[in-house]
Amino acid sequence: MNRRGGRPWLATALLATLLAGCGIRATQVPTDFGPAPSRVPCALSGSEPSTQAGRGIPVQVFLLCASQLVPVDRFVRIPDGAAEAARRVLVAQGLIDQLAMTPPSAEKQAGYATDVPGGIKVSGPRGRDAADTFRLSTRPDSLASYALAQIVCTFADSEATTADDGTVVLGGPDAQPLRRYACTAEVRSRPGTVAPPSTEVSGG
C-alpha cells in the first residue's frame, strides 16, 4: 500500500500548530496585505491649467468626486463695462457653462465628473421676481439631484451670484414658484441623497 499521502491531516494540523505558535492565525482564504490603493483620490497630482486660464475672472465650481461635491478652479469671461445686474447673469451663465463642460484629462483621471447637462440658459429676474433671482431654462426641480446640488452650491459659493445670506433664488422658465436654496455641509458630502434645503419665495 502506498502510504506517502495517507495522513494529509497530520501535516495540516502541524502547520496550524506552528503558525499559532508564531502568533499567526491560520486562515483558509487568501490574505490581502496592506490597504488597497484608492481609485478615486480626488486630488490633482499636477497643475493642468484650464483652457480659460488668464482669459477671465477666477471662480470655483463644484464637481462630483467620490459621490461628494468638490470645488475646482475655473475662469469665466465677462465683457468689460457690463452693468451690475447684467454682470451677475453673465457670471451665472459662465458658471453653468463650466459645470456642463467635460472635466480636463487630469481631473477625469483623479475621479472628477459632472452631472449638469449642457444647454441650460440663465436669465435674470422678471416681473415681480426678487432682484437676486436667476431663472434657468430648465426647471430646477426637474434636474437630477447631483446636478441641482452642483448648481446650488456653485452659485451659493460665488460672490457674484449669491445673496448676502449665502443662498440663491432659482426659478424655471414657467410660472412655477421661485425657491431660495442653500448649500449645506450635508449637501456637499451627500449630494445624491440630501437635496439642497429650500423655501418658497413670494412673487414671480
C-alpha atoms as a PDB file:
ATOM      1  CA  MET A   1       0.000   0.000   0.000  1.00  0.00           C
ATOM      2  CA  ASN A   2       1.282   3.462  -0.903  1.00  0.00           C
ATOM      3  CA  ARG A   3       1.400   5.456   2.373  1.00  0.00           C
ATOM      4  CA  ARG A   4       3.050   8.671   1.162  1.00  0.00           C
ATOM      5  CA  GLY A   5      -0.292  10.562   1.090  1.00  0.00           C
ATOM      6  CA  GLY A   6      -2.005   8.572   3.808  1.00  0.00           C
ATOM      7  CA  ARG A   7      -2.253  11.219   6.530  1.00  0.00           C
ATOM      8  CA  PRO A   8      -2.603  14.683   4.979  1.00  0.00           C
ATOM      9  CA  TRP A   9      -4.493  15.855   8.065  1.00  0.00           C
ATOM     10  CA  LEU A  10      -1.381  15.350  10.166  1.00  0.00           C
ATOM     11  CA  ALA A  11       0.648  17.801   8.051  1.00  0.00           C
ATOM     12  CA  THR A  12      -2.204  20.326   8.108  1.00  0.00           C
ATOM     13  CA  ALA A  13      -2.536  20.131  11.890  1.00  0.00           C
ATOM     14  CA  LEU A  14       1.224  20.509  12.329  1.00  0.00           C
ATOM     15  CA  LEU A  15       1.286  23.593  10.095  1.00  0.00           C
ATOM     16  CA  ALA A  16      -1.604  25.161  12.014  1.00  0.00           C
ATOM     17  CA  THR A  17       0.213  24.500  15.312  1.00  0.00           C
ATOM     18  CA  LEU A  18       3.402  26.123  14.027  1.00  0.00           C
ATOM     19  CA  LEU A  19       1.507  29.178  12.780  1.00  0.00           C
ATOM     20  CA  ALA A  20      -0.314  29.555  16.088  1.00  0.00           C
ATOM     21  CA  GLY A  21       2.978  29.340  17.944  1.00  0.00           C
ATOM     22  CA  CYS A  22       4.339  32.183  15.849  1.00  0.00           C
ATOM     23  CA  GLY A  23       1.344  34.379  16.620  1.00  0.00           C
ATOM     24  CA  ILE A  24      -0.153  33.978  13.139  1.00  0.00           C
ATOM     25  CA  ARG A  25      -3.753  32.900  12.907  1.00  0.00           C
ATOM     26  CA  ALA A  26      -4.367  30.189  10.332  1.00  0.00           C
ATOM     27  CA  THR A  27      -6.796  31.049   7.586  1.00  0.00           C
ATOM     28  CA  GLN A  28      -8.296  29.179   4.687  1.00  0.00           C
ATOM     29  CA  VAL A  29      -8.760  32.241   2.457  1.00  0.00           C
ATOM     30  CA  PRO A  30      -6.094  34.382   0.771  1.00  0.00           C
ATOM     31  CA  THR A  31      -4.995  37.386   2.818  1.00  0.00           C
ATOM     32  CA  ASP A  32      -4.674  40.827   1.229  1.00  0.00           C
ATOM     33  CA  PHE A  33      -1.685  42.552   2.795  1.00  0.00           C
ATOM     34  CA  GLY A  34      -1.999  46.323   3.164  1.00  0.00           C
ATOM     35  CA  PRO A  35      -4.825  48.679   2.245  1.00  0.00           C
ATOM     36  CA  ALA A  36      -5.993  48.775  -1.332  1.00  0.00           C
ATOM     37  CA  PRO A  37      -4.908  51.885  -3.217  1.00  0.00           C
ATOM     38  CA  SER A  38      -7.618  54.487  -3.664  1.00  0.00           C
ATOM     39  CA  ARG A  39      -9.128  54.514  -7.133  1.00  0.00           C
ATOM     40  CA  VAL A  40     -10.695  57.933  -6.646  1.00  0.00           C
ATOM     41  CA  PRO A  41      -8.134  60.152  -4.906  1.00  0.00           C
ATOM     42  CA  CYS A  42      -9.952  63.443  -5.681  1.00  0.00           C
ATOM     43  CA  ALA A  43      -6.545  65.101  -5.656  1.00  0.00           C
ATOM     44  CA  LEU A  44      -4.835  66.546  -8.695  1.00  0.00           C
ATOM     45  CA  SER A  45      -1.204  65.491  -8.993  1.00  0.00           C
ATOM     46  CA  GLY A  46      -0.291  68.277 -11.383  1.00  0.00           C
ATOM     47  CA  SER A  47      -1.370  71.797 -12.165  1.00  0.00           C
ATOM     48  CA  GLU A  48      -3.002  71.369 -15.546  1.00  0.00           C
ATOM     49  CA  PRO A  49      -4.203  74.866 -16.461  1.00  0.00           C
ATOM     50  CA  SER A  50      -7.734  75.332 -17.685  1.00  0.00           C
ATOM     51  CA  THR A  51      -8.089  76.474 -21.287  1.00  0.00           C
ATOM     52  CA  GLN A  52      -9.691  79.640 -19.927  1.00  0.00           C
ATOM     53  CA  ALA A  53      -6.770  80.481 -17.642  1.00  0.00           C
ATOM     54  CA  GLY A  54      -5.841  84.148 -17.867  1.00  0.00           C
ATOM     55  CA  ARG A  55      -8.901  84.926 -20.030  1.00  0.00           C
ATOM     56  CA  GLY A  56     -11.485  85.815 -17.389  1.00  0.00           C
ATOM     57  CA  ILE A  57     -12.241  86.209 -13.722  1.00  0.00           C
ATOM     58  CA  PRO A  58     -11.271  83.321 -11.386  1.00  0.00           C
ATOM     59  CA  VAL A  59     -14.207  81.340  -9.994  1.00  0.00           C
ATOM     60  CA  GLN A  60     -14.849  77.985  -8.381  1.00  0.00           C
ATOM     61  CA  VAL A  61     -17.389  75.383  -9.443  1.00  0.00           C
ATOM     62  CA  PHE A  62     -18.415  72.217  -7.654  1.00  0.00           C
ATOM     63  CA  LEU A  63     -17.765  68.939  -9.450  1.00  0.00           C
ATOM     64  CA  LEU A  64     -18.527  65.392  -8.326  1.00  0.00           C
ATOM     65  CA  CYS A  65     -15.804  63.169  -6.930  1.00  0.00           C
ATOM     66  CA  ALA A  66     -16.288  60.086  -4.752  1.00  0.00           C
ATOM     67  CA  SER A  67     -20.015  60.954  -4.629  1.00  0.00           C
ATOM     68  CA  GLN A  68     -19.239  64.304  -2.997  1.00  0.00           C
ATOM     69  CA  LEU A  69     -19.088  67.911  -4.160  1.00  0.00           C
ATOM     70  CA  VAL A  70     -15.536  69.199  -4.510  1.00  0.00           C
ATOM     71  CA  PRO A  71     -14.610  72.762  -5.590  1.00  0.00           C
ATOM     72  CA  VAL A  72     -12.277  73.250  -8.550  1.00  0.00           C
ATOM     73  CA  ASP A  73     -10.848  76.420 -10.077  1.00  0.00           C
ATOM     74  CA  ARG A  74     -12.187  77.828 -13.319  1.00  0.00           C
ATOM     75  CA  PHE A  75     -12.302  81.135 -15.208  1.00  0.00           C
ATOM     76  CA  VAL A  76     -15.346  82.974 -16.553  1.00  0.00           C
ATOM     77  CA  ARG A  77     -15.077  85.574 -19.278  1.00  0.00           C
ATOM     78  CA  ILE A  78     -17.068  88.773 -18.675  1.00  0.00           C
ATOM     79  CA  PRO A  79     -17.215  91.693 -21.139  1.00  0.00           C
ATOM     80  CA  ASP A  80     -15.843  94.981 -19.829  1.00  0.00           C
ATOM     81  CA  GLY A  81     -18.343  97.638 -18.863  1.00  0.00           C
ATOM     82  CA  ALA A  82     -21.263  95.321 -18.081  1.00  0.00           C
ATOM     83  CA  ALA A  83     -23.785  96.759 -15.635  1.00  0.00           C
ATOM     84  CA  GLU A  84     -24.035  95.034 -12.241  1.00  0.00           C
ATOM     85  CA  ALA A  85     -27.320  93.235 -12.929  1.00  0.00           C
ATOM     86  CA  ALA A  86     -26.149  92.069 -16.344  1.00  0.00           C
ATOM     87  CA  ARG A  87     -22.786  91.064 -14.901  1.00  0.00           C
ATOM     88  CA  ARG A  88     -24.427  88.795 -12.335  1.00  0.00           C
ATOM     89  CA  VAL A  89     -26.334  86.978 -15.067  1.00  0.00           C
ATOM     90  CA  LEU A  90     -23.199  86.664 -17.207  1.00  0.00           C
ATOM     91  CA  VAL A  91     -21.273  85.169 -14.284  1.00  0.00           C
ATOM     92  CA  ALA A  92     -24.130  82.781 -13.554  1.00  0.00           C
ATOM     93  CA  GLN A  93     -24.226  81.676 -17.192  1.00  0.00           C
ATOM     94  CA  GLY A  94     -20.468  81.215 -17.172  1.00  0.00           C
ATOM     95  CA  LEU A  95     -20.679  79.052 -14.054  1.00  0.00           C
ATOM     96  CA  ILE A  96     -23.389  76.886 -15.629  1.00  0.00           C
ATOM     97  CA  ASP A  97     -21.319  76.509 -18.794  1.00  0.00           C
ATOM     98  CA  GLN A  98     -18.266  75.484 -16.783  1.00  0.00           C
ATOM     99  CA  LEU A  99     -20.309  72.936 -14.834  1.00  0.00           C
ATOM    100  CA  ALA A 100     -21.603  71.410 -18.060  1.00  0.00           C
ATOM    101  CA  MET A 101     -18.138  71.044 -19.601  1.00  0.00           C
ATOM    102  CA  THR A 102     -16.351  67.690 -19.524  1.00  0.00           C
ATOM    103  CA  PRO A 103     -13.522  67.967 -16.964  1.00  0.00           C
ATOM    104  CA  PRO A 104      -9.996  68.055 -18.449  1.00  0.00           C
ATOM    105  CA  SER A 105      -7.946  64.870 -18.529  1.00  0.00           C
ATOM    106  CA  ALA A 106      -6.098  65.409 -15.237  1.00  0.00           C
ATOM    107  CA  GLU A 107      -9.367  65.918 -13.363  1.00  0.00           C
ATOM    108  CA  LYS A 108     -11.027  62.941 -15.061  1.00  0.00           C
ATOM    109  CA  GLN A 109      -8.106  60.711 -14.055  1.00  0.00           C
ATOM    110  CA  ALA A 110      -8.484  61.944 -10.478  1.00  0.00           C
ATOM    111  CA  GLY A 111     -12.145  60.921 -10.497  1.00  0.00           C
ATOM    112  CA  TYR A 112     -13.877  64.233 -11.164  1.00  0.00           C
ATOM    113  CA  ALA A 113     -17.130  64.321 -13.133  1.00  0.00           C
ATOM    114  CA  THR A 114     -20.225  66.449 -13.634  1.00  0.00           C
ATOM    115  CA  ASP A 115     -23.926  65.699 -13.873  1.00  0.00           C
ATOM    116  CA  VAL A 116     -25.013  69.112 -15.159  1.00  0.00           C
ATOM    117  CA  PRO A 117     -26.418  68.827 -18.695  1.00  0.00           C
ATOM    118  CA  GLY A 118     -25.369  71.181 -21.438  1.00  0.00           C
ATOM    119  CA  GLY A 119     -27.571  73.843 -22.946  1.00  0.00           C
ATOM    120  CA  ILE A 120     -29.000  75.382 -19.749  1.00  0.00           C
ATOM    121  CA  LYS A 121     -29.506  79.125 -20.165  1.00  0.00           C
ATOM    122  CA  VAL A 122     -29.642  81.644 -17.326  1.00  0.00           C
ATOM    123  CA  SER A 123     -31.653  84.865 -17.236  1.00  0.00           C
ATOM    124  CA  GLY A 124     -32.289  87.478 -14.574  1.00  0.00           C
ATOM    125  CA  PRO A 125     -35.440  88.394 -12.657  1.00  0.00           C
ATOM    126  CA  ARG A 126     -38.661  89.235 -14.412  1.00  0.00           C
ATOM    127  CA  GLY A 127     -41.923  90.860 -13.293  1.00  0.00           C
ATOM    128  CA  ARG A 128     -42.202  90.723  -9.512  1.00  0.00           C
ATOM    129  CA  ASP A 129     -39.210  88.391  -9.038  1.00  0.00           C
ATOM    130  CA  ALA A 130     -36.777  89.170  -6.256  1.00  0.00           C
ATOM    131  CA  ALA A 131     -33.801  91.183  -7.505  1.00  0.00           C
ATOM    132  CA  ASP A 132     -31.382  88.318  -6.852  1.00  0.00           C
ATOM    133  CA  THR A 133     -33.389  85.754  -8.858  1.00  0.00           C
ATOM    134  CA  PHE A 134     -31.875  83.569 -11.537  1.00  0.00           C
ATOM    135  CA  ARG A 135     -34.218  81.826 -13.931  1.00  0.00           C
ATOM    136  CA  LEU A 136     -32.989  78.683 -15.662  1.00  0.00           C
ATOM    137  CA  SER A 137     -34.235  77.424 -18.991  1.00  0.00           C
ATOM    138  CA  THR A 138     -34.750  74.083 -17.214  1.00  0.00           C
ATOM    139  CA  ARG A 139     -36.947  73.869 -14.114  1.00  0.00           C
ATOM    140  CA  PRO A 140     -34.728  73.293 -11.067  1.00  0.00           C
ATOM    141  CA  ASP A 141     -36.986  70.537  -9.721  1.00  0.00           C
ATOM    142  CA  SER A 142     -36.600  68.611 -12.982  1.00  0.00           C
ATOM    143  CA  LEU A 143     -32.816  68.400 -12.649  1.00  0.00           C
ATOM    144  CA  ALA A 144     -31.133  65.290 -11.292  1.00  0.00           C
ATOM    145  CA  SER A 145     -30.227  65.549  -7.610  1.00  0.00           C
ATOM    146  CA  TYR A 146     -26.486  65.743  -8.299  1.00  0.00           C
ATOM    147  CA  ALA A 147     -26.931  68.435 -10.959  1.00  0.00           C
ATOM    148  CA  LEU A 148     -29.149  70.612  -8.750  1.00  0.00           C
ATOM    149  CA  ALA A 149     -26.688  70.313  -5.862  1.00  0.00           C
ATOM    150  CA  GLN A 150     -23.792  71.287  -8.147  1.00  0.00           C
ATOM    151  CA  ILE A 151     -25.612  74.377  -9.400  1.00  0.00           C
ATOM    152  CA  VAL A 152     -26.883  75.490  -5.985  1.00  0.00           C
ATOM    153  CA  CYS A 153     -23.522  75.090  -4.256  1.00  0.00           C
ATOM    154  CA  THR A 154     -21.621  76.726  -7.127  1.00  0.00           C
ATOM    155  CA  PHE A 155     -23.945  79.735  -7.134  1.00  0.00           C
ATOM    156  CA  ALA A 156     -24.075  79.952  -3.331  1.00  0.00           C
ATOM    157  CA  ASP A 157     -20.269  79.951  -3.194  1.00  0.00           C
ATOM    158  CA  SER A 158     -19.868  82.773  -5.718  1.00  0.00           C
ATOM    159  CA  GLU A 159     -19.816  86.375  -4.549  1.00  0.00           C
ATOM    160  CA  ALA A 160     -21.296  87.431  -7.889  1.00  0.00           C
ATOM    161  CA  THR A 161     -24.345  85.188  -7.703  1.00  0.00           C
ATOM    162  CA  THR A 162     -25.109  84.558  -4.047  1.00  0.00           C
ATOM    163  CA  ALA A 163     -27.334  86.638  -1.790  1.00  0.00           C
ATOM    164  CA  ASP A 164     -25.986  88.286   1.360  1.00  0.00           C
ATOM    165  CA  ASP A 165     -27.018  85.246   3.409  1.00  0.00           C
ATOM    166  CA  GLY A 166     -25.244  82.705   1.201  1.00  0.00           C
ATOM    167  CA  THR A 167     -28.386  81.473  -0.534  1.00  0.00           C
ATOM    168  CA  VAL A 168     -29.530  81.595  -4.156  1.00  0.00           C
ATOM    169  CA  VAL A 169     -33.008  82.128  -5.626  1.00  0.00           C
ATOM    170  CA  LEU A 170     -33.738  79.898  -8.607  1.00  0.00           C
ATOM    171  CA  GLY A 171     -36.736  79.538 -10.864  1.00  0.00           C
ATOM    172  CA  GLY A 172     -37.594  77.923 -14.148  1.00  0.00           C
ATOM    173  CA  PRO A 173     -38.914  79.301 -17.408  1.00  0.00           C
ATOM    174  CA  ASP A 174     -42.556  78.951 -16.386  1.00  0.00           C
ATOM    175  CA  ALA A 175     -44.796  80.221 -13.593  1.00  0.00           C
ATOM    176  CA  GLN A 176     -43.629  77.697 -11.025  1.00  0.00           C
ATOM    177  CA  PRO A 177     -42.911  79.382  -7.646  1.00  0.00           C
ATOM    178  CA  LEU A 178     -39.373  80.594  -7.068  1.00  0.00           C
ATOM    179  CA  ARG A 179     -37.373  78.886  -4.342  1.00  0.00           C
ATOM    180  CA  ARG A 180     -34.448  80.064  -2.245  1.00  0.00           C
ATOM    181  CA  TYR A 181     -31.825  77.318  -1.975  1.00  0.00           C
ATOM    182  CA  ALA A 182     -28.939  76.839   0.449  1.00  0.00           C
ATOM    183  CA  CYS A 183     -25.804  74.735   0.192  1.00  0.00           C
ATOM    184  CA  THR A 184     -25.102  72.890   3.441  1.00  0.00           C
ATOM    185  CA  ALA A 185     -22.303  70.611   4.574  1.00  0.00           C
ATOM    186  CA  GLU A 186     -24.676  67.657   4.244  1.00  0.00           C
ATOM    187  CA  VAL A 187     -25.458  68.568   0.634  1.00  0.00           C
ATOM    188  CA  ARG A 188     -21.762  68.802  -0.178  1.00  0.00           C
ATOM    189  CA  SER A 189     -20.995  65.417   1.366  1.00  0.00           C
ATOM    190  CA  ARG A 190     -24.108  63.583   0.119  1.00  0.00           C
ATOM    191  CA  PRO A 191     -25.473  65.402  -2.934  1.00  0.00           C
ATOM    192  CA  GLY A 192     -27.119  62.274  -4.272  1.00  0.00           C
ATOM    193  CA  THR A 193     -29.298  61.711  -1.218  1.00  0.00           C
ATOM    194  CA  VAL A 194     -29.559  65.107   0.500  1.00  0.00           C
ATOM    195  CA  ALA A 195     -31.382  67.762  -1.514  1.00  0.00           C
ATOM    196  CA  PRO A 196     -30.436  71.418  -1.055  1.00  0.00           C
ATOM    197  CA  PRO A 197     -32.872  72.847   1.538  1.00  0.00           C
ATOM    198  CA  SER A 198     -35.167  75.440   0.043  1.00  0.00           C
ATOM    199  CA  THR A 199     -38.072  77.717   0.842  1.00  0.00           C
ATOM    200  CA  GLU A 200     -40.677  79.209  -1.472  1.00  0.00           C
ATOM    201  CA  VAL A 201     -40.215  82.852  -2.414  1.00  0.00           C
ATOM    202  CA  SER A 202     -43.201  85.085  -2.995  1.00  0.00           C
ATOM    203  CA  GLY A 203     -43.564  86.936  -6.273  1.00  0.00           C
ATOM    204  CA  GLY A 204     -42.635  85.686  -9.706  1.00  0.00           C
END
